[in-house]
Amino acid sequence: MNPTYIAIAVAALLLLLVAALLFRRGRGAIGAVGAPETEDRLRDRLAKSRIAFSASLGSFFSSDSGAEERWQELEDALISADVGPGVSAEIVMRVRDRGPTTGSQARSVLAEELVSSLLQVDRSLRVEGSPAVLVVVGVNGTGKTTSIAKIARGFVLEGRTVVLGAADTFRAAADAQLRAWGDRVGVPVVSGAEGADPASVAHDAFTTARAENADVLIVDTAGRLHSQKNLMDELGKVVRVLQREASGVSEVLLVLDGTTGQNGIAQARAFTDAVGVTGIVLTKLDGTSRGGFAIAVEQELGIPVKFIGVGEGMDDLIPFVPDDFVEALLAP
């Protein structure tokens, strides 16, 4: 066979391989929001909130009237979606002041006011340091460990090296669960003996990550109840040790179960007081009609929602984009 033809065939094959790797790397990555299929999936996964919202607002949007009872319907719908009474009243007042005269205008104005109610901030993860350190906190059952795995996978797809630290030493199954996810994602896990000092395990995880020149260390912590002061104090110790060793922690992410609604505000306040939460991961939004809780938590705490969980799949933890989120909630 002609050597020239062989060279051309090899070059073409290499180009195909590179294209396939780039495509695979882009799918499901931490920054891969905005593709049409993601927007469609978001509407589908927020169906419970969207349908409940649409049912409550159907007569309001379909009417050309601005009758008093219709404004009350709007406020009731927002409260039912767990936006919160105070925030709901304020949003309705702003929509009303803008004077929409048709249902379609009201929908458009409401969408704008909902977006403006969310924080206007950079929601990307801060990844600073060598390695960058992310601490993930939250009570048991919120989806904390699976969220860690999904965030780790996003970093891996971006080409970063990741180490996980299993500092939840109080629950026997926690280490095994994190290791199973680490194996699935393809990242190493540093752990200690059951009942070991969590801060010591976090220290060892940082030492290992630095020795291996990892880009990111993600530390899992005990799924403690926010009302348990001694355990919250231990959590604060974990963060302080990592801040000292790493000269700062890039992010302290709080995982909240979206189905808890307003009850999650107390959790968020307690964790913020203890460890200085910098971002929120709001999970299980596909299983609740309380999608407005994302607005409530930002209004109440001034902390940005950085990710939302819309399913159990590895690609179902996606960056929170206010415009896309509100559009999905109000989609007919």
Protein backbone atom coordinates (compact mmCIF):
# COMPACT_ATOMS: atom_id res chain seq x y z
CA MET A 1 0.00 0.00 0.00
CA ASN A 2 1.20 3.50 -0.80
CA PRO A 3 2.90 5.02 2.32
CA THR A 4 1.19 8.34 1.60
CA TYR A 5 -2.25 6.72 1.81
CA ILE A 6 -1.28 5.04 5.08
CA ALA A 7 -0.14 8.36 6.56
CA ILE A 8 -3.38 10.06 5.50
CA ALA A 9 -5.46 7.24 7.00
CA VAL A 10 -3.55 7.39 10.31
CA ALA A 11 -3.93 11.17 10.48
CA ALA A 12 -7.67 10.92 9.82
CA LEU A 13 -8.04 8.27 12.52
CA LEU A 14 -6.18 10.44 15.03
CA LEU A 15 -8.43 13.40 14.23
CA LEU A 16 -11.51 11.26 14.79
CA LEU A 17 -10.15 10.07 18.14
CA VAL A 18 -9.39 13.61 19.26
CA ALA A 19 -12.88 14.77 18.23
CA ALA A 20 -14.48 11.88 20.12
CA LEU A 21 -12.48 12.67 23.26
CA LEU A 22 -13.41 16.35 23.12
CA PHE A 23 -17.08 15.48 22.68
CA ARG A 24 -16.99 13.05 25.57
CA ARG A 25 -15.13 15.54 27.72
CA GLY A 26 -17.74 18.21 27.13
CA ARG A 27 -20.77 16.10 28.03
CA GLY A 28 -21.82 16.39 31.64
CA ALA A 29 -18.87 18.56 32.60
CA ILE A 30 -19.19 21.07 35.43
CA GLY A 31 -19.30 23.95 32.95
CA ALA A 32 -21.41 22.26 30.26
CA VAL A 33 -24.67 24.16 30.74
CA GLY A 34 -26.44 25.96 27.95
CA ALA A 35 -26.68 23.20 25.35
CA PRO A 36 -30.25 22.81 24.02
CA GLU A 37 -30.53 19.27 25.36
CA THR A 38 -29.64 20.55 28.85
CA GLU A 39 -32.37 23.22 28.71
CA ASP A 40 -34.93 20.67 27.54
CA ARG A 41 -33.90 18.29 30.29
CA LEU A 42 -34.18 21.04 32.88
CA ARG A 43 -37.77 21.74 31.87
CA ASP A 44 -38.56 18.04 32.03
CA ARG A 45 -36.83 17.48 35.35
CA LEU A 46 -38.54 20.46 36.97
CA ALA A 47 -41.89 19.15 35.79
CA LYS A 48 -43.43 18.87 39.27
CA SER A 49 -42.64 22.49 40.09
CA ARG A 50 -43.51 23.67 36.59
CA ILE A 51 -46.87 21.86 36.47
CA ALA A 52 -47.84 23.02 39.96
CA PHE A 53 -46.85 26.56 39.10
CA SER A 54 -48.72 26.51 35.79
CA ALA A 55 -51.84 25.12 37.44
CA SER A 56 -51.79 27.89 40.02
CA LEU A 57 -51.10 30.63 37.51
CA GLY A 58 -53.21 29.36 34.63
CA SER A 59 -56.10 31.74 35.13
CA PHE A 60 -53.78 34.64 35.89
CA PHE A 61 -51.77 34.26 32.70
CA SER A 62 -54.76 33.52 30.50
CA SER A 63 -56.70 36.55 31.66
CA ASP A 64 -56.39 40.10 30.41
CA SER A 65 -57.71 41.33 33.71
CA GLY A 66 -55.65 42.70 36.59
CA ALA A 67 -58.37 42.13 39.17
CA GLU A 68 -57.32 42.16 42.81
CA GLU A 69 -58.00 38.47 43.31
CA ARG A 70 -55.64 37.57 40.48
CA TRP A 71 -52.74 39.33 42.19
CA GLN A 72 -53.54 37.31 45.29
CA GLU A 73 -53.49 34.16 43.14
CA LEU A 74 -50.02 35.07 41.95
CA GLU A 75 -48.77 35.60 45.49
CA ASP A 76 -50.35 32.32 46.64
CA ALA A 77 -48.69 30.48 43.75
CA LEU A 78 -45.28 31.84 44.68
CA ILE A 79 -45.77 30.91 48.32
CA SER A 80 -46.89 27.40 47.32
CA ALA A 81 -43.68 27.04 45.32
CA ASP A 82 -41.77 27.86 48.55
CA VAL A 83 -40.46 31.23 47.44
CA GLY A 84 -41.39 32.46 50.92
CA PRO A 85 -44.14 34.88 52.08
CA GLY A 86 -42.04 38.05 52.28
CA VAL A 87 -40.21 37.52 49.00
CA SER A 88 -43.44 36.50 47.25
CA ALA A 89 -45.21 39.69 48.36
CA GLU A 90 -42.30 41.81 47.16
CA ILE A 91 -42.17 40.11 43.75
CA VAL A 92 -45.92 40.55 43.25
CA MET A 93 -45.64 44.23 44.17
CA ARG A 94 -42.87 44.74 41.60
CA VAL A 95 -44.80 42.89 38.89
CA ARG A 96 -47.95 44.88 39.66
CA ASP A 97 -46.08 48.21 39.65
CA ARG A 98 -44.88 47.50 36.12
CA GLY A 99 -48.50 47.32 35.00
CA PRO A 100 -48.75 44.32 32.67
CA THR A 101 -52.11 44.41 30.87
CA THR A 102 -52.23 40.90 29.40
CA GLY A 103 -51.44 37.42 30.62
CA SER A 104 -48.46 37.12 28.28
CA GLN A 105 -47.04 40.41 29.52
CA ALA A 106 -47.52 39.28 33.10
CA ARG A 107 -45.60 36.06 32.42
CA SER A 108 -42.71 37.99 30.86
CA VAL A 109 -42.57 40.54 33.69
CA LEU A 110 -42.80 37.82 36.33
CA ALA A 111 -39.90 35.96 34.72
CA GLU A 112 -37.77 39.10 34.79
CA GLU A 113 -38.60 39.81 38.43
CA LEU A 114 -37.89 36.22 39.50
CA VAL A 115 -34.48 36.37 37.84
CA SER A 116 -33.73 39.73 39.44
CA SER A 117 -34.62 38.23 42.83
CA LEU A 118 -31.70 35.85 42.48
CA LEU A 119 -28.17 36.96 43.24
CA GLN A 120 -26.30 38.60 40.40
CA VAL A 121 -22.97 36.89 41.06
CA ASP A 122 -20.41 34.60 39.51
CA ARG A 123 -21.65 31.09 40.27
CA SER A 124 -18.63 29.16 39.03
CA LEU A 125 -16.62 27.15 41.52
CA ARG A 126 -13.54 28.88 42.85
CA VAL A 127 -10.56 26.61 42.27
CA GLU A 128 -7.56 28.27 43.85
CA GLY A 129 -4.44 26.74 45.36
CA SER A 130 -2.33 23.66 44.76
CA PRO A 131 -4.41 21.71 45.38
CA ALA A 132 -7.61 23.71 45.55
CA VAL A 133 -9.65 22.57 48.55
CA LEU A 134 -13.42 22.14 48.54
CA VAL A 135 -15.24 21.11 51.73
CA VAL A 136 -18.74 19.69 51.37
CA VAL A 137 -21.17 19.77 54.31
CA GLY A 138 -24.81 18.86 54.94
CA VAL A 139 -27.04 16.52 56.90
CA ASN A 140 -27.50 12.85 56.06
CA GLY A 141 -29.92 12.09 53.27
CA THR A 142 -29.44 15.27 51.26
CA GLY A 143 -27.39 13.60 48.54
CA LYS A 144 -24.08 14.97 49.80
CA THR A 145 -21.82 12.05 48.87
CA THR A 146 -23.32 11.56 45.42
CA SER A 147 -23.03 15.29 44.78
CA ILE A 148 -19.34 15.07 45.67
CA ALA A 149 -18.90 12.27 43.14
CA LYS A 150 -20.67 14.25 40.42
CA ILE A 151 -18.59 17.37 41.08
CA ALA A 152 -15.43 15.24 41.02
CA ARG A 153 -16.48 13.73 37.71
CA GLY A 154 -16.99 17.20 36.28
CA PHE A 155 -13.44 18.13 37.21
CA VAL A 156 -12.11 14.89 35.72
CA LEU A 157 -13.94 15.59 32.46
CA GLU A 158 -12.27 19.00 32.44
CA GLY A 159 -8.90 17.25 32.64
CA ARG A 160 -8.17 17.97 36.32
CA THR A 161 -6.81 15.46 38.81
CA VAL A 162 -8.91 14.98 41.94
CA VAL A 163 -8.49 13.39 45.38
CA LEU A 164 -11.41 12.74 47.74
CA GLY A 165 -11.06 12.95 51.52
CA ALA A 166 -13.39 10.76 53.61
CA ALA A 167 -13.63 12.86 56.77
CA ASP A 168 -17.04 11.46 57.72
CA THR A 169 -15.64 9.02 60.25
CA PHE A 170 -18.75 8.73 62.44
CA ARG A 171 -20.88 6.71 60.04
CA ALA A 172 -19.61 3.22 59.29
CA ALA A 173 -20.92 3.13 55.71
CA ALA A 174 -19.66 6.60 54.77
CA ASP A 175 -16.14 5.53 53.84
CA ALA A 176 -17.34 2.57 51.77
CA GLN A 177 -19.90 4.72 50.00
CA LEU A 178 -17.35 7.38 49.07
CA ARG A 179 -14.87 4.71 47.92
CA ALA A 180 -17.50 3.14 45.70
CA TRP A 181 -18.14 6.50 44.08
CA GLY A 182 -14.41 7.19 43.84
CA ASP A 183 -13.92 3.91 41.98
CA ARG A 184 -16.78 4.74 39.65
CA VAL A 185 -15.43 8.20 38.86
CA GLY A 186 -11.81 7.04 38.80
CA VAL A 187 -10.36 9.15 41.61
CA PRO A 188 -8.48 8.06 44.77
CA VAL A 189 -9.98 8.34 48.25
CA VAL A 190 -8.03 9.05 51.45
CA SER A 191 -9.70 7.81 54.62
CA GLY A 192 -8.96 6.89 58.23
CA ALA A 193 -10.13 4.36 60.74
CA GLU A 194 -13.76 4.40 61.84
CA GLY A 195 -14.13 6.98 64.60
CA ALA A 196 -10.85 8.72 63.74
CA ASP A 197 -10.53 12.47 64.24
CA PRO A 198 -12.14 14.02 61.12
CA ALA A 199 -9.69 16.94 61.09
CA SER A 200 -6.77 14.48 61.11
CA VAL A 201 -8.22 12.62 58.12
CA ALA A 202 -8.73 15.93 56.30
CA HIS A 203 -5.09 16.82 57.02
CA ASP A 204 -3.91 13.46 55.65
CA ALA A 205 -6.06 13.90 52.55
CA PHE A 206 -4.53 17.31 51.89
CA THR A 207 -1.00 15.97 52.38
CA THR A 208 -1.70 13.15 49.91
CA ALA A 209 -3.29 15.45 47.35
CA ARG A 210 -0.35 17.84 47.52
CA ALA A 211 2.20 15.01 47.27
CA GLU A 212 0.42 13.66 44.19
CA ASN A 213 0.21 17.14 42.62
CA ALA A 214 -3.57 16.85 42.43
CA ASP A 215 -5.47 19.84 41.15
CA VAL A 216 -8.43 19.53 43.52
CA LEU A 217 -9.13 17.99 46.93
CA ILE A 218 -12.81 17.48 47.83
CA VAL A 219 -13.44 16.64 51.48
CA ASP A 220 -16.59 14.84 52.59
CA THR A 221 -17.73 15.52 56.15
CA ALA A 222 -20.07 13.93 58.66
CA GLY A 223 -23.76 14.23 57.80
CA ARG A 224 -24.50 15.77 61.12
CA LEU A 225 -27.68 17.41 62.28
CA HIS A 226 -27.34 21.17 62.31
CA SER A 227 -28.69 21.23 65.88
CA GLN A 228 -25.80 19.15 67.29
CA LYS A 229 -23.37 21.78 68.56
CA ASN A 230 -20.44 19.47 69.40
CA LEU A 231 -20.50 17.95 65.93
CA MET A 232 -20.77 21.39 64.35
CA ASP A 233 -17.72 22.42 66.35
CA GLU A 234 -15.84 19.43 64.94
CA LEU A 235 -16.85 20.51 61.45
CA GLY A 236 -15.45 23.95 62.13
CA LYS A 237 -12.18 22.30 63.21
CA VAL A 238 -11.97 20.43 59.88
CA VAL A 239 -12.31 23.68 57.95
CA ARG A 240 -9.78 25.49 60.15
CA VAL A 241 -7.17 22.74 59.70
CA LEU A 242 -7.59 22.80 55.94
CA GLN A 243 -7.45 26.60 55.86
CA ARG A 244 -4.17 26.49 57.75
CA GLU A 245 -2.61 23.74 55.62
CA ALA A 246 -3.82 25.05 52.28
CA SER A 247 -3.59 28.76 53.14
CA GLY A 248 -7.29 28.99 52.45
CA VAL A 249 -10.27 26.88 51.39
CA SER A 250 -11.63 27.59 47.92
CA GLU A 251 -15.23 26.61 48.63
CA VAL A 252 -17.41 25.37 51.47
CA LEU A 253 -20.43 23.87 49.73
CA LEU A 254 -23.64 23.11 51.61
CA VAL A 255 -25.84 20.38 50.14
CA LEU A 256 -29.55 21.00 50.81
CA ASP A 257 -32.44 18.70 49.96
CA GLY A 258 -34.81 20.76 47.81
CA THR A 259 -37.81 18.78 49.02
CA THR A 260 -37.41 20.20 52.55
CA GLY A 261 -38.28 23.70 51.36
CA GLN A 262 -38.29 26.43 53.98
CA ASN A 263 -37.14 23.96 56.65
CA GLY A 264 -33.75 24.00 54.94
CA ILE A 265 -33.23 27.66 55.83
CA ALA A 266 -32.49 26.80 59.47
CA GLN A 267 -29.96 24.19 58.35
CA ALA A 268 -28.29 26.67 56.06
CA ARG A 269 -28.03 29.34 58.76
CA ALA A 270 -26.46 26.92 61.25
CA PHE A 271 -23.88 25.61 58.78
CA THR A 272 -23.05 29.13 57.61
CA ASP A 273 -22.47 30.25 61.20
CA ALA A 274 -20.23 27.23 61.84
CA VAL A 275 -18.11 27.06 58.70
CA GLY A 276 -18.84 30.04 56.46
CA VAL A 277 -20.71 28.40 53.58
CA THR A 278 -19.78 29.91 50.20
CA GLY A 279 -22.15 28.06 47.90
CA ILE A 280 -25.20 25.82 47.92
CA VAL A 281 -25.92 22.59 46.09
CA LEU A 282 -29.69 22.15 45.90
CA THR A 283 -30.60 18.50 45.26
CA LYS A 284 -33.73 16.50 44.40
CA LEU A 285 -35.46 19.35 42.58
CA ASP A 286 -36.86 16.80 40.13
CA GLY A 287 -38.91 15.29 42.95
CA THR A 288 -40.59 18.36 44.39
CA SER A 289 -43.03 21.11 43.50
CA ARG A 290 -41.03 23.51 45.69
CA GLY A 291 -38.65 24.78 43.05
CA GLY A 292 -39.05 28.34 44.33
CA PHE A 293 -36.92 27.39 47.32
CA ALA A 294 -33.85 28.30 45.26
CA ILE A 295 -35.06 31.92 45.30
CA ALA A 296 -35.93 31.82 49.00
CA VAL A 297 -32.55 30.49 50.11
CA GLU A 298 -30.63 33.14 48.19
CA GLN A 299 -32.88 35.92 49.46
CA GLU A 300 -32.67 34.73 53.06
CA LEU A 301 -28.94 33.97 53.20
CA GLY A 302 -27.24 35.91 50.43
CA ILE A 303 -25.38 32.73 49.42
CA PRO A 304 -25.48 31.63 45.77
CA VAL A 305 -26.91 28.34 44.61
CA LYS A 306 -24.09 26.91 42.49
CA PHE A 307 -25.53 23.55 41.44
CA ILE A 308 -28.93 21.93 41.27
CA GLY A 309 -29.64 18.22 41.27
CA VAL A 310 -32.34 17.18 38.80
CA GLY A 311 -31.98 13.40 38.86
CA GLU A 312 -29.87 10.46 39.97
CA GLY A 313 -27.69 10.16 36.87
CA MET A 314 -24.08 11.30 36.80
CA ASP A 315 -24.99 14.15 34.42
CA ASP A 316 -27.91 15.33 36.55
CA LEU A 317 -26.02 17.79 38.74
CA ILE A 318 -25.87 20.95 36.69
CA PRO A 319 -24.69 24.52 37.26
CA PHE A 320 -27.46 26.85 38.38
CA VAL A 321 -28.25 29.42 35.68
CA PRO A 322 -31.03 31.80 36.85
CA ASP A 323 -32.44 32.57 33.39
CA ASP A 324 -32.67 28.88 32.45
CA PHE A 325 -34.13 27.94 35.82
CA VAL A 326 -36.89 30.56 35.74
CA GLU A 327 -37.69 29.76 32.12
CA ALA A 328 -38.09 26.10 33.06
CA LEU A 329 -40.37 26.98 35.98
CA LEU A 330 -42.64 29.18 33.88
CA ALA A 331 -42.63 27.10 30.71
CA PRO A 332 -46.24 26.37 29.64
